[in-house]
C-alpha atoms as a PDB file:
ATOM      1  CA  MET A   1      25.018   6.819  36.506  1.00  0.00           C
ATOM      2  CA  GLN A   2      23.285   6.828  33.146  1.00  0.00           C
ATOM      3  CA  ALA A   3      19.498   7.182  33.022  1.00  0.00           C
ATOM      4  CA  SER A   4      17.678   4.388  31.235  1.00  0.00           C
ATOM      5  CA  SER A   5      15.979   5.135  27.936  1.00  0.00           C
ATOM      6  CA  PRO A   6      12.188   4.924  27.590  1.00  0.00           C
ATOM      7  CA  SER A   7      12.719   1.736  25.550  1.00  0.00           C
ATOM      8  CA  GLN A   8      14.771   0.156  28.360  1.00  0.00           C
ATOM      9  CA  THR A   9      12.169   1.209  30.940  1.00  0.00           C
ATOM     10  CA  ILE A  10       9.328  -0.336  28.939  1.00  0.00           C
ATOM     11  CA  PHE A  11      11.396  -3.484  28.387  1.00  0.00           C
ATOM     12  CA  SER A  12      12.148  -3.772  32.114  1.00  0.00           C
ATOM     13  CA  GLN A  13       8.496  -3.316  33.045  1.00  0.00           C
ATOM     14  CA  ILE A  14       7.376  -6.015  30.593  1.00  0.00           C
ATOM     15  CA  VAL A  15      10.004  -8.420  31.933  1.00  0.00           C
ATOM     16  CA  ALA A  16       8.870  -7.688  35.506  1.00  0.00           C
ATOM     17  CA  GLY A  17       5.246  -8.500  34.572  1.00  0.00           C
ATOM     18  CA  GLY A  18       2.123  -7.477  36.458  1.00  0.00           C
ATOM     19  CA  ARG A  19       0.386  -4.123  36.206  1.00  0.00           C
ATOM     20  CA  GLY A  20       3.600  -2.394  35.151  1.00  0.00           C
ATOM     21  CA  ALA A  21       3.833  -4.693  32.125  1.00  0.00           C
ATOM     22  CA  ASP A  22       0.287  -3.799  31.074  1.00  0.00           C
ATOM     23  CA  GLU A  23       1.054  -0.086  31.346  1.00  0.00           C
ATOM     24  CA  ALA A  24       4.341  -0.539  29.484  1.00  0.00           C
ATOM     25  CA  LEU A  25       2.586  -2.386  26.649  1.00  0.00           C
ATOM     26  CA  GLN A  26      -0.046   0.355  26.434  1.00  0.00           C
ATOM     27  CA  SER A  27       2.696   2.965  26.306  1.00  0.00           C
ATOM     28  CA  LEU A  28       4.545   1.075  23.561  1.00  0.00           C
ATOM     29  CA  TYR A  29       1.269   0.583  21.666  1.00  0.00           C
ATOM     30  CA  LYS A  30       0.383   4.291  21.789  1.00  0.00           C
ATOM     31  CA  ALA A  31       3.904   5.443  20.925  1.00  0.00           C
ATOM     32  CA  GLN A  32       4.434   3.092  17.982  1.00  0.00           C
ATOM     33  CA  ARG A  33       0.973   2.423  16.515  1.00  0.00           C
ATOM     34  CA  HIS A  34       0.926   5.353  14.109  1.00  0.00           C
ATOM     35  CA  LYS A  35       4.562   4.889  13.057  1.00  0.00           C
ATOM     36  CA  VAL A  36       4.284   1.170  12.357  1.00  0.00           C
ATOM     37  CA  VAL A  37       0.917   1.501  10.591  1.00  0.00           C
ATOM     38  CA  ALA A  38       2.305   4.305   8.391  1.00  0.00           C
ATOM     39  CA  PHE A  39       5.381   2.165   7.665  1.00  0.00           C
ATOM     40  CA  LEU A  40       3.152  -0.756   6.583  1.00  0.00           C
ATOM     41  CA  ARG A  41       0.820   1.504   4.571  1.00  0.00           C
ATOM     42  CA  LYS A  42       3.813   2.710   2.562  1.00  0.00           C
ATOM     43  CA  ARG A  43       4.486  -0.930   1.751  1.00  0.00           C
ATOM     44  CA  GLY A  44       0.988  -1.573   0.369  1.00  0.00           C
ATOM     45  CA  ALA A  45      -1.072  -2.561   3.408  1.00  0.00           C
ATOM     46  CA  GLU A  46      -4.628  -1.297   3.774  1.00  0.00           C
ATOM     47  CA  GLU A  47      -5.383   0.525   7.061  1.00  0.00           C
ATOM     48  CA  GLU A  48      -7.157  -2.429   8.715  1.00  0.00           C
ATOM     49  CA  GLU A  49      -4.541  -4.877   7.504  1.00  0.00           C
ATOM     50  CA  ALA A  50      -1.740  -2.647   8.818  1.00  0.00           C
ATOM     51  CA  LEU A  51      -3.471  -2.432  12.214  1.00  0.00           C
ATOM     52  CA  ASP A  52      -3.891  -6.210  12.269  1.00  0.00           C
ATOM     53  CA  VAL A  53      -0.191  -6.751  11.502  1.00  0.00           C
ATOM     54  CA  PHE A  54       0.759  -4.156  14.132  1.00  0.00           C
ATOM     55  CA  GLN A  55      -1.334  -5.889  16.807  1.00  0.00           C
ATOM     56  CA  GLU A  56       0.105  -9.248  15.817  1.00  0.00           C
ATOM     57  CA  ALA A  57       3.608  -7.746  16.069  1.00  0.00           C
ATOM     58  CA  MET A  58       2.823  -6.401  19.561  1.00  0.00           C
ATOM     59  CA  ILE A  59       1.834  -9.913  20.655  1.00  0.00           C
ATOM     60  CA  VAL A  60       4.979 -11.434  19.136  1.00  0.00           C
ATOM     61  CA  VAL A  61       7.183  -8.807  20.818  1.00  0.00           C
ATOM     62  CA  TYR A  62       5.529  -9.409  24.199  1.00  0.00           C
ATOM     63  CA  GLU A  63       5.832 -13.191  23.875  1.00  0.00           C
ATOM     64  CA  ASN A  64       9.463 -12.953  22.741  1.00  0.00           C
ATOM     65  CA  ILE A  65      10.331 -10.732  25.705  1.00  0.00           C
ATOM     66  CA  GLN A  66       8.607 -13.132  28.103  1.00  0.00           C
ATOM     67  CA  ALA A  67      10.394 -16.121  26.492  1.00  0.00           C
ATOM     68  CA  GLY A  68      13.777 -14.371  26.675  1.00  0.00           C
ATOM     69  CA  LYS A  69      14.168 -14.284  22.875  1.00  0.00           C
ATOM     70  CA  PHE A  70      14.551 -10.499  22.957  1.00  0.00           C
ATOM     71  CA  ARG A  71      16.904  -9.225  25.645  1.00  0.00           C
ATOM     72  CA  GLY A  72      16.820  -5.487  25.003  1.00  0.00           C
ATOM     73  CA  GLU A  73      20.053  -5.254  23.042  1.00  0.00           C
ATOM     74  CA  SER A  74      18.401  -2.993  20.462  1.00  0.00           C
ATOM     75  CA  SER A  75      15.640  -0.465  20.926  1.00  0.00           C
ATOM     76  CA  LEU A  76      12.185  -1.884  21.484  1.00  0.00           C
ATOM     77  CA  SER A  77      10.736   0.317  18.735  1.00  0.00           C
ATOM     78  CA  SER A  78      13.286  -1.004  16.208  1.00  0.00           C
ATOM     79  CA  TYR A  79      12.504  -4.548  17.248  1.00  0.00           C
ATOM     80  CA  LEU A  80       8.747  -3.922  16.925  1.00  0.00           C
ATOM     81  CA  HIS A  81       9.234  -2.405  13.448  1.00  0.00           C
ATOM     82  CA  GLY A  82      11.356  -5.396  12.432  1.00  0.00           C
ATOM     83  CA  VAL A  83       8.764  -7.886  13.651  1.00  0.00           C
ATOM     84  CA  ALA A  84       5.957  -5.990  11.877  1.00  0.00           C
ATOM     85  CA  ARG A  85       8.010  -5.869   8.666  1.00  0.00           C
ATOM     86  CA  PHE A  86       8.693  -9.616   8.896  1.00  0.00           C
ATOM     87  CA  LEU A  87       4.996 -10.397   9.504  1.00  0.00           C
ATOM     88  CA  TRP A  88       3.965  -8.192   6.570  1.00  0.00           C
ATOM     89  CA  ILE A  89       6.480  -9.824   4.213  1.00  0.00           C
ATOM     90  CA  ASN A  90       5.274 -13.276   5.285  1.00  0.00           C
ATOM     91  CA  ARG A  91       1.666 -12.228   4.708  1.00  0.00           C
ATOM     92  CA  LEU A  92       2.545 -11.015   1.203  1.00  0.00           C
ATOM     93  CA  LYS A  93       4.432 -14.227   0.444  1.00  0.00           C
ATOM     94  CA  ARG A  94       1.497 -16.315   1.687  1.00  0.00           C
ATOM     95  CA  ARG A  95      -0.921 -14.278  -0.425  1.00  0.00           C
ATOM     96  CA  LYS A  96       1.270 -14.616  -3.511  1.00  0.00           C
ATOM     97  CA  THR A  97       1.684 -18.371  -2.962  1.00  0.00           C
ATOM     98  CA  GLU A  98      -2.055 -18.914  -2.467  1.00  0.00           C
ATOM     99  CA  SER A  99      -2.824 -16.893  -5.579  1.00  0.00           C
ATOM    100  CA  ARG A 100      -0.246 -18.767  -7.636  1.00  0.00           C
ATOM    101  CA  ILE A 101      -1.517 -22.153  -6.454  1.00  0.00           C
ATOM    102  CA  LEU A 102      -5.095 -21.222  -7.281  1.00  0.00           C
ATOM    103  CA  GLU A 103      -4.087 -19.961 -10.718  1.00  0.00           C
ATOM    104  CA  GLU A 104      -2.065 -23.103 -11.420  1.00  0.00           C
ATOM    105  CA  GLN A 105      -4.996 -25.282 -10.463  1.00  0.00           C
ATOM    106  CA  GLY A 106      -7.401 -23.131 -12.450  1.00  0.00           C
ATOM    107  CA  GLN A 107      -9.540 -22.593  -9.385  1.00  0.00           C
ATOM    108  CA  VAL A 108     -10.085 -18.857  -9.497  1.00  0.00           C
ATOM    109  CA  ASP A 109     -13.653 -19.026 -10.703  1.00  0.00           C
ATOM    110  CA  ASP A 110     -17.104 -18.236  -9.401  1.00  0.00           C
ATOM    111  CA  MET A 111     -17.511 -21.720  -7.964  1.00  0.00           C
ATOM    112  CA  HIS A 112     -14.631 -21.227  -5.497  1.00  0.00           C
ATOM    113  CA  MET A 113     -15.212 -17.587  -4.612  1.00  0.00           C
ATOM    114  CA  PRO A 114     -17.690 -18.374  -1.801  1.00  0.00           C
ATOM    115  CA  ARG A 115     -15.054 -20.536  -0.044  1.00  0.00           C
ATOM    116  CA  LEU A 116     -12.442 -17.799  -0.391  1.00  0.00           C
ATOM    117  CA  LEU A 117     -14.878 -15.237   1.019  1.00  0.00           C
ATOM    118  CA  GLU A 118     -15.738 -17.554   3.922  1.00  0.00           C
ATOM    119  CA  LYS A 119     -12.029 -17.954   4.708  1.00  0.00           C
ATOM    120  CA  GLU A 120     -11.625 -14.175   4.609  1.00  0.00           C
ATOM    121  CA  LYS A 121     -14.588 -13.759   6.993  1.00  0.00           C
ATOM    122  CA  GLU A 122     -13.083 -16.360   9.315  1.00  0.00           C
ATOM    123  CA  ASN A 123      -9.774 -14.432   9.294  1.00  0.00           C
ATOM    124  CA  GLU A 124     -11.602 -11.169  10.124  1.00  0.00           C
ATOM    125  CA  ILE A 125     -13.423 -12.859  13.007  1.00  0.00           C
ATOM    126  CA  ARG A 126     -10.170 -14.303  14.336  1.00  0.00           C
ATOM    127  CA  ALA A 127      -8.614 -10.818  14.154  1.00  0.00           C
ATOM    128  CA  LEU A 128     -11.509  -9.504  16.261  1.00  0.00           C
ATOM    129  CA  PHE A 129     -10.961 -12.350  18.721  1.00  0.00           C
ATOM    130  CA  ARG A 130      -7.288 -11.349  19.093  1.00  0.00           C
ATOM    131  CA  GLU A 131      -8.472  -7.923  20.240  1.00  0.00           C
ATOM    132  CA  LEU A 132     -10.319  -9.606  23.115  1.00  0.00           C
ATOM    133  CA  ARG A 133      -7.092 -11.053  24.506  1.00  0.00           C
ATOM    134  CA  GLY A 134      -6.663 -13.525  27.320  1.00  0.00           C
ATOM    135  CA  SER A 135      -9.186 -16.186  28.179  1.00  0.00           C
ATOM    136  CA  CYS A 136     -11.999 -14.516  26.198  1.00  0.00           C
ATOM    137  CA  GLU A 137     -10.200 -15.111  22.938  1.00  0.00           C
ATOM    138  CA  GLU A 138      -9.496 -18.727  23.850  1.00  0.00           C
ATOM    139  CA  ILE A 139     -13.024 -19.422  25.143  1.00  0.00           C
ATOM    140  CA  LEU A 140     -14.658 -18.138  21.957  1.00  0.00           C
ATOM    141  CA  VAL A 141     -12.193 -19.918  19.666  1.00  0.00           C
ATOM    142  CA  LEU A 142     -12.751 -23.215  21.513  1.00  0.00           C
ATOM    143  CA  SER A 143     -16.507 -22.730  21.502  1.00  0.00           C
ATOM    144  CA  ILE A 144     -17.001 -21.478  17.941  1.00  0.00           C
ATOM    145  CA  PHE A 145     -14.182 -22.959  15.874  1.00  0.00           C
ATOM    146  CA  TYR A 146     -13.596 -26.193  17.801  1.00  0.00           C
ATOM    147  CA  ALA A 147     -17.200 -26.783  18.974  1.00  0.00           C
ATOM    148  CA  TYR A 148     -16.269 -27.282  22.641  1.00  0.00           C
ATOM    149  CA  ASN A 149     -19.314 -27.576  24.881  1.00  0.00           C
ATOM    150  CA  MET A 150     -19.565 -25.782  28.236  1.00  0.00           C
ATOM    151  CA  GLN A 151     -18.420 -28.849  30.187  1.00  0.00           C
ATOM    152  CA  GLU A 152     -15.255 -29.100  28.059  1.00  0.00           C
ATOM    153  CA  ILE A 153     -14.577 -25.366  28.441  1.00  0.00           C
ATOM    154  CA  ALA A 154     -15.098 -25.567  32.210  1.00  0.00           C
ATOM    155  CA  SER A 155     -12.664 -28.485  32.363  1.00  0.00           C
ATOM    156  CA  HIS A 156     -10.119 -26.765  30.105  1.00  0.00           C
ATOM    157  CA  PHE A 157     -10.024 -23.640  32.302  1.00  0.00           C
ATOM    158  CA  ALA A 158     -10.482 -25.552  35.580  1.00  0.00           C
ATOM    159  CA  TYR A 159     -13.743 -23.736  36.338  1.00  0.00           C
ATOM    160  CA  SER A 160     -15.750 -25.323  39.135  1.00  0.00           C
ATOM    161  CA  SER A 161     -18.940 -25.577  37.044  1.00  0.00           C
ATOM    162  CA  GLU A 162     -20.386 -25.314  33.560  1.00  0.00           C
ATOM    163  CA  GLN A 163     -22.383 -22.285  34.700  1.00  0.00           C
ATOM    164  CA  ILE A 164     -19.186 -20.339  35.353  1.00  0.00           C
ATOM    165  CA  ALA A 165     -17.998 -21.222  31.836  1.00  0.00           C
ATOM    166  CA  ARG A 166     -21.393 -20.215  30.407  1.00  0.00           C
ATOM    167  CA  ASN A 167     -21.292 -16.858  32.252  1.00  0.00           C
ATOM    168  CA  LYS A 168     -17.720 -16.210  31.114  1.00  0.00           C
ATOM    169  CA  LYS A 169     -18.614 -17.044  27.487  1.00  0.00           C
ATOM    170  CA  TYR A 170     -21.614 -14.704  27.695  1.00  0.00           C
ATOM    171  CA  ARG A 171     -19.406 -11.820  28.935  1.00  0.00           C
ATOM    172  CA  CYS A 172     -16.880 -12.563  26.191  1.00  0.00           C
ATOM    173  CA  MET A 173     -19.611 -12.559  23.542  1.00  0.00           C
ATOM    174  CA  GLU A 174     -20.803  -9.184  24.849  1.00  0.00           C
ATOM    175  CA  ARG A 175     -17.259  -7.780  24.520  1.00  0.00           C
ATOM    176  CA  LEU A 176     -17.059  -9.201  20.998  1.00  0.00           C
ATOM    177  CA  ARG A 177     -20.397  -7.586  20.090  1.00  0.00           C
ATOM    178  CA  GLU A 178     -19.098  -4.239  21.364  1.00  0.00           C
ATOM    179  CA  LEU A 179     -15.983  -4.575  19.182  1.00  0.00           C
ATOM    180  CA  ILE A 180     -18.063  -5.464  16.132  1.00  0.00           C
ATOM    181  CA  GLU A 181     -20.450  -2.552  16.714  1.00  0.00           C
ATOM    182  CA  LYS A 182     -17.466  -0.173  16.718  1.00  0.00           C
ATOM    183  CA  GLN A 183     -16.620  -1.383  13.205  1.00  0.00           C
ATOM    184  CA  PRO A 184     -19.748  -0.962  11.039  1.00  0.00           C
ATOM    185  CA  ALA A 185     -17.949  -2.138   7.887  1.00  0.00           C
ATOM    186  CA  ILE A 186     -17.238  -5.498   9.491  1.00  0.00           C
ATOM    187  CA  LEU A 187     -20.753  -5.712  10.908  1.00  0.00           C
ATOM    188  CA  SER A 188     -22.365  -5.264   7.476  1.00  0.00           C
ATOM    189  CA  TRP A 189     -19.814  -7.564   5.888  1.00  0.00           C
ATOM    190  CA  LEU A 190     -20.513 -10.319   8.430  1.00  0.00           C
ATOM    191  CA  ARG A 191     -24.258 -10.022   7.811  1.00  0.00           C
ATOM    192  CA  SER A 192     -23.817 -10.441   4.054  1.00  0.00           C
END
């Protein structure tokens, strides 16, 4: 009987779900973070951007495993690298397209810079939200970007009262503050 590879073990644990899936994802994250970030850095990504793409790739890999789109026919690390590469290429294409459109329309001037900076800040905030994961990310997105009130959030998550939604949002905001405080560059940038 052949022993399963670490990749197959991680894959099996993610498919099984529960606590084992969380541990498997952490293991995959720790084992591949440096490799994928270095791979993306060699292709022109800044450190923070490479980390963002890596985290996005982790989410895509997890969702694809759960949806049965990835069945473990190749190694999980190869699949993760492929997803990260694809996301990075798409990001570059999007950036090039946006730049070209702005140049064609003659809109790269001081008048439009504030809007571009606001969009960049919004993207940074959304990246921080993704680090929260689960309901915290969704609660803050609904509250901040979609202006849901506490009653709508309570209804959306089937909470028994607005107070529960308010308490949950407060805890999520505290976690977000902790993440921001760990990244002084973002903190000063957000204040500007």
